[in-house]
Amino acid sequence: MPYEVALLNNYLLVGAALFGIGLVGFVSRRNLIVMFLSAEMMLQGVSLSLVAWGRFHNDFGGQLLVLFIIAVAACEAAVALAMITMLFRRSGKLDAAHWQTLREANQPRFHEEPLPEEFGDQPLPWPRLTPAGIQPDVPREKIDYRPKV
């Protein structure tokens, strides 16, 4: 039995690594092809984990779920290819931010707010707590009548 547990742990580690790499790739990139490849990598990590649990429990349920995941991934790949092709034909770019140009005519565009400017050479000020022994002023109504318990 320890051999089966070690094998399960190895499969789960590889599945978690695949899912984690896919999640980082999906969140950190704006290229649509890379985003969909990262989503596929996350699906494969989940599939590997399901197969490992199915093997450990000597049950075919994990393998059956993987067949459904593969079917969903194939459908997702077809839809993604159509969307990527449409976006590239209209804008000539594969940046996810260009989806804003494909909105309907009556929908307003989304405008990203610029990042706040940094303080330059000065380090950010650390938050300060009240000194020990000094209680902050709290209104008497908040002490007597609490809105939440």
N, C-alpha and C. Protein backbone atom coordinates (compact mmCIF):
# COMPACT_ATOMS: atom_id res chain seq x y z
N MET A 1 0.80 -1.21 0.00
CA MET A 1 0.00 0.00 0.00
C MET A 1 0.85 1.28 0.00
N PRO A 2 2.02 1.31 0.67
CA PRO A 2 2.80 2.55 0.64
C PRO A 2 3.24 2.93 -0.77
N TYR A 3 3.44 1.91 -1.64
CA TYR A 3 3.81 2.21 -3.02
C TYR A 3 2.68 2.95 -3.73
N GLU A 4 1.44 2.53 -3.50
CA GLU A 4 0.29 3.19 -4.13
C GLU A 4 0.13 4.62 -3.63
N VAL A 5 0.37 4.84 -2.35
CA VAL A 5 0.26 6.19 -1.80
C VAL A 5 1.34 7.09 -2.38
N ALA A 6 2.56 6.55 -2.50
CA ALA A 6 3.65 7.34 -3.09
C ALA A 6 3.36 7.67 -4.55
N LEU A 7 2.81 6.70 -5.28
CA LEU A 7 2.45 6.94 -6.67
C LEU A 7 1.34 7.99 -6.77
N LEU A 8 0.35 7.91 -5.89
CA LEU A 8 -0.72 8.91 -5.87
C LEU A 8 -0.15 10.29 -5.58
N ASN A 9 0.73 10.39 -4.61
CA ASN A 9 1.33 11.68 -4.27
C ASN A 9 2.09 12.26 -5.45
N ASN A 10 2.84 11.43 -6.17
CA ASN A 10 3.59 11.92 -7.33
C ASN A 10 2.65 12.42 -8.43
N TYR A 11 1.60 11.66 -8.70
CA TYR A 11 0.63 12.09 -9.72
C TYR A 11 -0.05 13.40 -9.31
N LEU A 12 -0.42 13.51 -8.04
CA LEU A 12 -1.08 14.73 -7.58
C LEU A 12 -0.15 15.93 -7.61
N LEU A 13 1.13 15.72 -7.32
CA LEU A 13 2.10 16.82 -7.40
C LEU A 13 2.26 17.30 -8.84
N VAL A 14 2.34 16.37 -9.78
CA VAL A 14 2.47 16.77 -11.18
C VAL A 14 1.19 17.47 -11.65
N GLY A 15 0.03 16.94 -11.25
CA GLY A 15 -1.24 17.58 -11.61
C GLY A 15 -1.36 18.98 -11.03
N ALA A 16 -0.93 19.15 -9.77
CA ALA A 16 -0.98 20.48 -9.16
C ALA A 16 0.01 21.43 -9.83
N ALA A 17 1.17 20.92 -10.23
CA ALA A 17 2.14 21.76 -10.93
C ALA A 17 1.59 22.20 -12.28
N LEU A 18 0.96 21.28 -13.01
CA LEU A 18 0.36 21.66 -14.29
C LEU A 18 -0.73 22.71 -14.10
N PHE A 19 -1.57 22.50 -13.10
CA PHE A 19 -2.64 23.47 -12.86
C PHE A 19 -2.07 24.82 -12.45
N GLY A 20 -1.05 24.82 -11.59
CA GLY A 20 -0.45 26.08 -11.14
C GLY A 20 0.24 26.83 -12.27
N ILE A 21 0.97 26.12 -13.13
CA ILE A 21 1.63 26.77 -14.26
C ILE A 21 0.58 27.33 -15.21
N GLY A 22 -0.48 26.59 -15.45
CA GLY A 22 -1.55 27.08 -16.31
C GLY A 22 -2.25 28.30 -15.72
N LEU A 23 -2.46 28.29 -14.40
CA LEU A 23 -3.11 29.44 -13.76
C LEU A 23 -2.24 30.69 -13.84
N VAL A 24 -0.94 30.54 -13.60
CA VAL A 24 -0.04 31.68 -13.70
C VAL A 24 0.01 32.19 -15.14
N GLY A 25 0.05 31.29 -16.10
CA GLY A 25 0.06 31.70 -17.51
C GLY A 25 -1.22 32.39 -17.92
N PHE A 26 -2.34 31.93 -17.41
CA PHE A 26 -3.63 32.53 -17.76
C PHE A 26 -3.78 33.92 -17.16
N VAL A 27 -3.34 34.10 -15.93
CA VAL A 27 -3.52 35.37 -15.25
C VAL A 27 -2.51 36.42 -15.72
N SER A 28 -1.30 35.98 -16.05
CA SER A 28 -0.23 36.95 -16.30
C SER A 28 -0.09 37.37 -17.76
N ARG A 29 -0.71 36.69 -18.69
CA ARG A 29 -0.53 37.02 -20.10
C ARG A 29 -1.80 37.61 -20.68
N ARG A 30 -1.64 38.41 -21.76
CA ARG A 30 -2.79 39.00 -22.42
C ARG A 30 -2.98 38.46 -23.83
N ASN A 31 -2.04 37.67 -24.32
CA ASN A 31 -2.17 37.07 -25.64
C ASN A 31 -3.21 35.95 -25.55
N LEU A 32 -4.20 35.99 -26.44
CA LEU A 32 -5.31 35.03 -26.35
C LEU A 32 -4.87 33.60 -26.58
N ILE A 33 -3.92 33.37 -27.46
CA ILE A 33 -3.47 32.00 -27.71
C ILE A 33 -2.82 31.44 -26.46
N VAL A 34 -1.98 32.23 -25.80
CA VAL A 34 -1.33 31.77 -24.57
C VAL A 34 -2.36 31.55 -23.47
N MET A 35 -3.38 32.41 -23.43
CA MET A 35 -4.41 32.24 -22.41
C MET A 35 -5.18 30.94 -22.60
N PHE A 36 -5.54 30.62 -23.84
CA PHE A 36 -6.27 29.37 -24.07
C PHE A 36 -5.38 28.15 -23.88
N LEU A 37 -4.10 28.24 -24.23
CA LEU A 37 -3.19 27.13 -23.95
C LEU A 37 -3.03 26.93 -22.44
N SER A 38 -3.01 28.01 -21.69
CA SER A 38 -2.93 27.90 -20.23
C SER A 38 -4.19 27.26 -19.66
N ALA A 39 -5.35 27.60 -20.22
CA ALA A 39 -6.59 26.97 -19.77
C ALA A 39 -6.57 25.47 -20.06
N GLU A 40 -6.03 25.10 -21.22
CA GLU A 40 -5.91 23.67 -21.54
C GLU A 40 -4.96 22.97 -20.57
N MET A 41 -3.88 23.66 -20.19
CA MET A 41 -2.94 23.06 -19.24
C MET A 41 -3.59 22.86 -17.88
N MET A 42 -4.45 23.80 -17.47
CA MET A 42 -5.17 23.62 -16.21
C MET A 42 -6.11 22.42 -16.30
N LEU A 43 -6.80 22.26 -17.43
CA LEU A 43 -7.69 21.10 -17.59
C LEU A 43 -6.91 19.79 -17.55
N GLN A 44 -5.71 19.78 -18.13
CA GLN A 44 -4.91 18.55 -18.10
C GLN A 44 -4.40 18.23 -16.70
N GLY A 45 -4.11 19.27 -15.90
CA GLY A 45 -3.73 19.04 -14.52
C GLY A 45 -4.86 18.42 -13.71
N VAL A 46 -6.06 18.90 -13.92
CA VAL A 46 -7.23 18.33 -13.24
C VAL A 46 -7.47 16.90 -13.72
N SER A 47 -7.31 16.67 -15.01
CA SER A 47 -7.52 15.33 -15.57
C SER A 47 -6.53 14.33 -14.98
N LEU A 48 -5.27 14.75 -14.86
CA LEU A 48 -4.27 13.85 -14.28
C LEU A 48 -4.60 13.53 -12.84
N SER A 49 -5.08 14.51 -12.10
CA SER A 49 -5.45 14.26 -10.71
C SER A 49 -6.65 13.31 -10.61
N LEU A 50 -7.62 13.47 -11.50
CA LEU A 50 -8.78 12.56 -11.48
C LEU A 50 -8.38 11.13 -11.82
N VAL A 51 -7.50 10.97 -12.79
CA VAL A 51 -7.03 9.62 -13.14
C VAL A 51 -6.26 9.01 -11.97
N ALA A 52 -5.46 9.82 -11.28
CA ALA A 52 -4.70 9.31 -10.14
C ALA A 52 -5.62 8.85 -9.02
N TRP A 53 -6.66 9.65 -8.72
CA TRP A 53 -7.59 9.23 -7.68
C TRP A 53 -8.38 8.00 -8.10
N GLY A 54 -8.73 7.92 -9.39
CA GLY A 54 -9.43 6.73 -9.86
C GLY A 54 -8.57 5.48 -9.75
N ARG A 55 -7.29 5.61 -10.05
CA ARG A 55 -6.38 4.46 -9.92
C ARG A 55 -6.20 4.08 -8.46
N PHE A 56 -6.10 5.08 -7.59
CA PHE A 56 -5.89 4.80 -6.17
C PHE A 56 -7.08 4.09 -5.56
N HIS A 57 -8.30 4.49 -5.93
CA HIS A 57 -9.50 3.86 -5.38
C HIS A 57 -9.98 2.69 -6.21
N ASN A 58 -9.24 2.34 -7.26
CA ASN A 58 -9.58 1.20 -8.14
C ASN A 58 -11.00 1.36 -8.68
N ASP A 59 -11.25 2.56 -9.24
CA ASP A 59 -12.57 2.91 -9.76
C ASP A 59 -12.37 3.62 -11.09
N PHE A 60 -13.31 3.41 -12.02
CA PHE A 60 -13.20 4.03 -13.34
C PHE A 60 -13.90 5.39 -13.42
N GLY A 61 -14.39 5.89 -12.31
CA GLY A 61 -15.09 7.18 -12.32
C GLY A 61 -14.20 8.33 -12.75
N GLY A 62 -12.94 8.33 -12.30
CA GLY A 62 -12.01 9.38 -12.70
C GLY A 62 -11.74 9.38 -14.19
N GLN A 63 -11.57 8.17 -14.76
CA GLN A 63 -11.31 8.09 -16.20
C GLN A 63 -12.53 8.54 -17.01
N LEU A 64 -13.72 8.25 -16.53
CA LEU A 64 -14.92 8.70 -17.23
C LEU A 64 -15.05 10.22 -17.20
N LEU A 65 -14.73 10.82 -16.06
CA LEU A 65 -14.76 12.28 -16.00
C LEU A 65 -13.72 12.90 -16.92
N VAL A 66 -12.57 12.24 -17.05
CA VAL A 66 -11.53 12.74 -17.95
C VAL A 66 -12.01 12.71 -19.39
N LEU A 67 -12.78 11.70 -19.77
CA LEU A 67 -13.33 11.68 -21.13
C LEU A 67 -14.24 12.88 -21.38
N PHE A 68 -15.05 13.24 -20.38
CA PHE A 68 -15.89 14.42 -20.53
C PHE A 68 -15.05 15.69 -20.58
N ILE A 69 -13.98 15.75 -19.80
CA ILE A 69 -13.11 16.92 -19.81
C ILE A 69 -12.43 17.06 -21.17
N ILE A 70 -12.03 15.95 -21.77
CA ILE A 70 -11.41 16.01 -23.10
C ILE A 70 -12.41 16.50 -24.14
N ALA A 71 -13.66 16.06 -24.03
CA ALA A 71 -14.69 16.52 -24.96
C ALA A 71 -14.94 18.02 -24.80
N VAL A 72 -14.99 18.49 -23.56
CA VAL A 72 -15.19 19.93 -23.31
C VAL A 72 -13.98 20.71 -23.81
N ALA A 73 -12.78 20.18 -23.63
CA ALA A 73 -11.58 20.87 -24.10
C ALA A 73 -11.55 20.96 -25.62
N ALA A 74 -12.03 19.93 -26.30
CA ALA A 74 -12.08 19.99 -27.76
C ALA A 74 -13.06 21.05 -28.23
N CYS A 75 -14.23 21.12 -27.57
CA CYS A 75 -15.20 22.16 -27.92
C CYS A 75 -14.64 23.54 -27.62
N GLU A 76 -13.96 23.68 -26.50
CA GLU A 76 -13.37 24.96 -26.14
C GLU A 76 -12.31 25.38 -27.16
N ALA A 77 -11.52 24.43 -27.62
CA ALA A 77 -10.49 24.75 -28.61
C ALA A 77 -11.11 25.23 -29.92
N ALA A 78 -12.21 24.63 -30.33
CA ALA A 78 -12.87 25.05 -31.57
C ALA A 78 -13.44 26.45 -31.43
N VAL A 79 -14.10 26.73 -30.31
CA VAL A 79 -14.67 28.06 -30.10
C VAL A 79 -13.54 29.09 -29.96
N ALA A 80 -12.48 28.74 -29.26
CA ALA A 80 -11.36 29.67 -29.09
C ALA A 80 -10.70 29.98 -30.42
N LEU A 81 -10.55 28.99 -31.27
CA LEU A 81 -9.95 29.24 -32.59
C LEU A 81 -10.81 30.18 -33.41
N ALA A 82 -12.12 30.01 -33.36
CA ALA A 82 -13.02 30.92 -34.09
C ALA A 82 -12.93 32.33 -33.53
N MET A 83 -12.90 32.47 -32.21
CA MET A 83 -12.82 33.81 -31.61
C MET A 83 -11.49 34.48 -31.90
N ILE A 84 -10.41 33.72 -31.84
CA ILE A 84 -9.08 34.28 -32.11
C ILE A 84 -8.98 34.70 -33.57
N THR A 85 -9.52 33.89 -34.46
CA THR A 85 -9.49 34.24 -35.89
C THR A 85 -10.29 35.51 -36.15
N MET A 86 -11.47 35.63 -35.53
CA MET A 86 -12.30 36.82 -35.72
C MET A 86 -11.60 38.06 -35.18
N LEU A 87 -10.99 37.96 -33.99
CA LEU A 87 -10.30 39.11 -33.42
C LEU A 87 -9.10 39.51 -34.27
N PHE A 88 -8.35 38.54 -34.76
CA PHE A 88 -7.17 38.87 -35.55
C PHE A 88 -7.55 39.50 -36.89
N ARG A 89 -8.64 39.04 -37.49
CA ARG A 89 -9.08 39.63 -38.76
C ARG A 89 -9.55 41.07 -38.59
N ARG A 90 -10.20 41.35 -37.47
CA ARG A 90 -10.73 42.70 -37.25
C ARG A 90 -9.67 43.69 -36.80
N SER A 91 -8.77 43.27 -35.92
CA SER A 91 -7.83 44.23 -35.33
C SER A 91 -6.38 43.99 -35.72
N GLY A 92 -6.04 42.80 -36.18
CA GLY A 92 -4.66 42.50 -36.52
C GLY A 92 -3.79 42.23 -35.30
N LYS A 93 -4.41 42.13 -34.12
CA LYS A 93 -3.68 41.86 -32.88
C LYS A 93 -4.38 40.76 -32.11
N LEU A 94 -3.63 40.09 -31.24
CA LEU A 94 -4.21 39.04 -30.41
C LEU A 94 -4.24 39.43 -28.94
N ASP A 95 -4.25 40.72 -28.66
CA ASP A 95 -4.29 41.21 -27.30
C ASP A 95 -5.72 41.11 -26.77
N ALA A 96 -5.86 40.63 -25.55
CA ALA A 96 -7.19 40.47 -24.97
C ALA A 96 -7.89 41.80 -24.76
N ALA A 97 -7.14 42.89 -24.65
CA ALA A 97 -7.75 44.21 -24.45
C ALA A 97 -8.48 44.69 -25.70
N HIS A 98 -8.19 44.12 -26.85
CA HIS A 98 -8.86 44.54 -28.08
C HIS A 98 -10.27 43.98 -28.21
N TRP A 99 -10.71 43.15 -27.27
CA TRP A 99 -12.10 42.70 -27.29
C TRP A 99 -13.05 43.88 -27.10
N GLN A 100 -12.53 44.97 -26.51
CA GLN A 100 -13.38 46.14 -26.29
C GLN A 100 -13.86 46.75 -27.60
N THR A 101 -13.10 46.59 -28.67
CA THR A 101 -13.49 47.16 -29.96
C THR A 101 -14.60 46.35 -30.62
N LEU A 102 -14.88 45.15 -30.15
CA LEU A 102 -15.88 44.29 -30.77
C LEU A 102 -17.23 44.37 -30.06
N ARG A 103 -17.42 45.36 -29.22
CA ARG A 103 -18.70 45.51 -28.51
C ARG A 103 -19.81 45.92 -29.46
N GLU A 104 -21.03 45.79 -28.99
CA GLU A 104 -22.16 46.27 -29.75
C GLU A 104 -22.15 47.79 -29.78
N ALA A 105 -22.88 48.37 -30.70
CA ALA A 105 -22.81 49.82 -30.91
C ALA A 105 -23.34 50.61 -29.71
N ASN A 106 -24.30 50.08 -28.97
CA ASN A 106 -24.89 50.86 -27.88
C ASN A 106 -24.19 50.64 -26.54
N GLN A 107 -23.11 49.87 -26.49
CA GLN A 107 -22.40 49.60 -25.25
C GLN A 107 -21.21 50.54 -25.11
N PRO A 108 -21.03 51.16 -23.94
CA PRO A 108 -19.87 52.04 -23.76
C PRO A 108 -18.59 51.23 -23.63
N ARG A 109 -17.49 51.82 -24.04
CA ARG A 109 -16.19 51.16 -23.94
C ARG A 109 -15.72 51.18 -22.50
N PHE A 110 -14.95 50.19 -22.15
CA PHE A 110 -14.33 50.13 -20.82
C PHE A 110 -12.99 50.83 -20.89
N HIS A 111 -12.78 51.76 -19.97
CA HIS A 111 -11.51 52.48 -19.92
C HIS A 111 -10.77 52.09 -18.66
N GLU A 112 -9.53 51.64 -18.84
CA GLU A 112 -8.72 51.28 -17.68
C GLU A 112 -8.24 52.54 -17.00
N GLU A 113 -8.29 52.53 -15.68
CA GLU A 113 -7.76 53.66 -14.94
C GLU A 113 -6.25 53.52 -14.86
N PRO A 114 -5.52 54.62 -15.01
CA PRO A 114 -4.06 54.51 -14.95
C PRO A 114 -3.60 54.15 -13.55
N LEU A 115 -2.45 53.51 -13.48
CA LEU A 115 -1.89 53.14 -12.19
C LEU A 115 -1.46 54.39 -11.44
N PRO A 116 -1.56 54.37 -10.12
CA PRO A 116 -1.11 55.55 -9.37
C PRO A 116 0.40 55.72 -9.50
N GLU A 117 0.82 56.98 -9.49
CA GLU A 117 2.24 57.25 -9.63
C GLU A 117 2.97 56.87 -8.35
N GLU A 118 4.21 56.43 -8.51
CA GLU A 118 4.99 56.02 -7.36
C GLU A 118 5.62 57.25 -6.71
N PHE A 119 6.11 57.08 -5.50
CA PHE A 119 6.65 58.19 -4.73
C PHE A 119 8.09 58.55 -5.11
N GLY A 120 8.66 57.92 -6.08
CA GLY A 120 10.03 58.24 -6.48
C GLY A 120 11.03 57.57 -5.56
N ASP A 121 11.92 58.37 -4.95
CA ASP A 121 12.97 57.81 -4.11
C ASP A 121 12.50 57.52 -2.69
N GLN A 122 11.40 58.13 -2.28
CA GLN A 122 10.93 57.95 -0.92
C GLN A 122 10.24 56.60 -0.77
N PRO A 123 10.55 55.86 0.29
CA PRO A 123 9.83 54.60 0.51
C PRO A 123 8.40 54.89 0.96
N LEU A 124 7.53 53.94 0.70
CA LEU A 124 6.14 54.10 1.12
C LEU A 124 6.06 54.14 2.65
N PRO A 125 5.21 54.99 3.20
CA PRO A 125 5.11 55.06 4.67
C PRO A 125 4.44 53.80 5.21
N TRP A 126 4.97 53.31 6.34
CA TRP A 126 4.39 52.15 6.98
C TRP A 126 3.18 52.57 7.78
N PRO A 127 2.16 51.73 7.84
CA PRO A 127 1.00 52.07 8.67
C PRO A 127 1.40 52.06 10.15
N ARG A 128 0.81 52.95 10.90
CA ARG A 128 1.15 53.07 12.32
C ARG A 128 -0.07 52.70 13.17
N LEU A 129 0.19 51.95 14.23
CA LEU A 129 -0.85 51.58 15.17
C LEU A 129 -0.89 52.60 16.31
N THR A 130 -1.99 52.60 17.04
CA THR A 130 -2.04 53.48 18.20
C THR A 130 -1.09 52.95 19.26
N PRO A 131 -0.45 53.82 20.00
CA PRO A 131 0.48 53.35 21.04
C PRO A 131 -0.26 52.53 22.09
N ALA A 132 0.47 51.63 22.73
CA ALA A 132 -0.13 50.77 23.74
C ALA A 132 -0.60 51.60 24.92
N GLY A 133 -1.76 51.27 25.46
CA GLY A 133 -2.28 51.95 26.63
C GLY A 133 -3.23 53.07 26.29
N ILE A 134 -3.25 53.56 25.07
CA ILE A 134 -4.15 54.64 24.70
C ILE A 134 -5.29 54.04 23.89
N GLN A 135 -6.50 54.20 24.37
CA GLN A 135 -7.65 53.67 23.65
C GLN A 135 -8.19 54.74 22.71
N PRO A 136 -8.55 54.33 21.48
CA PRO A 136 -9.14 55.31 20.57
C PRO A 136 -10.52 55.72 21.06
N ASP A 137 -10.92 56.92 20.69
CA ASP A 137 -12.24 57.42 21.07
C ASP A 137 -13.32 56.67 20.31
N VAL A 138 -14.23 56.03 21.04
CA VAL A 138 -15.35 55.31 20.44
C VAL A 138 -16.63 55.93 20.97
N PRO A 139 -17.55 56.29 20.09
CA PRO A 139 -18.81 56.88 20.58
C PRO A 139 -19.55 55.92 21.51
N ARG A 140 -20.22 56.47 22.48
CA ARG A 140 -20.93 55.68 23.49
C ARG A 140 -22.03 54.82 22.85
N GLU A 141 -22.65 55.30 21.74
CA GLU A 141 -23.71 54.54 21.09
C GLU A 141 -23.17 53.24 20.50
N LYS A 142 -21.93 53.26 20.00
CA LYS A 142 -21.36 52.03 19.45
C LYS A 142 -21.07 51.00 20.52
N ILE A 143 -20.78 51.48 21.72
CA ILE A 143 -20.50 50.55 22.82
C ILE A 143 -21.80 49.94 23.34
N ASP A 144 -22.82 50.77 23.51
CA ASP A 144 -24.08 50.28 24.09
C ASP A 144 -24.93 49.49 23.10
N TYR A 145 -24.97 49.92 21.85
CA TYR A 145 -25.85 49.30 20.87
C TYR A 145 -25.00 48.85 19.68
N ARG A 146 -24.64 47.60 19.64
CA ARG A 146 -23.84 47.07 18.55
C ARG A 146 -24.75 46.63 17.41
N PRO A 147 -24.45 47.04 16.14
CA PRO A 147 -25.31 46.60 15.02
C PRO A 147 -25.12 45.12 14.71
N LYS A 148 -23.94 44.56 14.99
CA LYS A 148 -23.68 43.14 14.74
C LYS A 148 -23.13 42.53 16.02
N VAL A 149 -23.44 41.27 16.22
CA VAL A 149 -22.91 40.56 17.38
C VAL A 149 -22.00 39.47 16.91
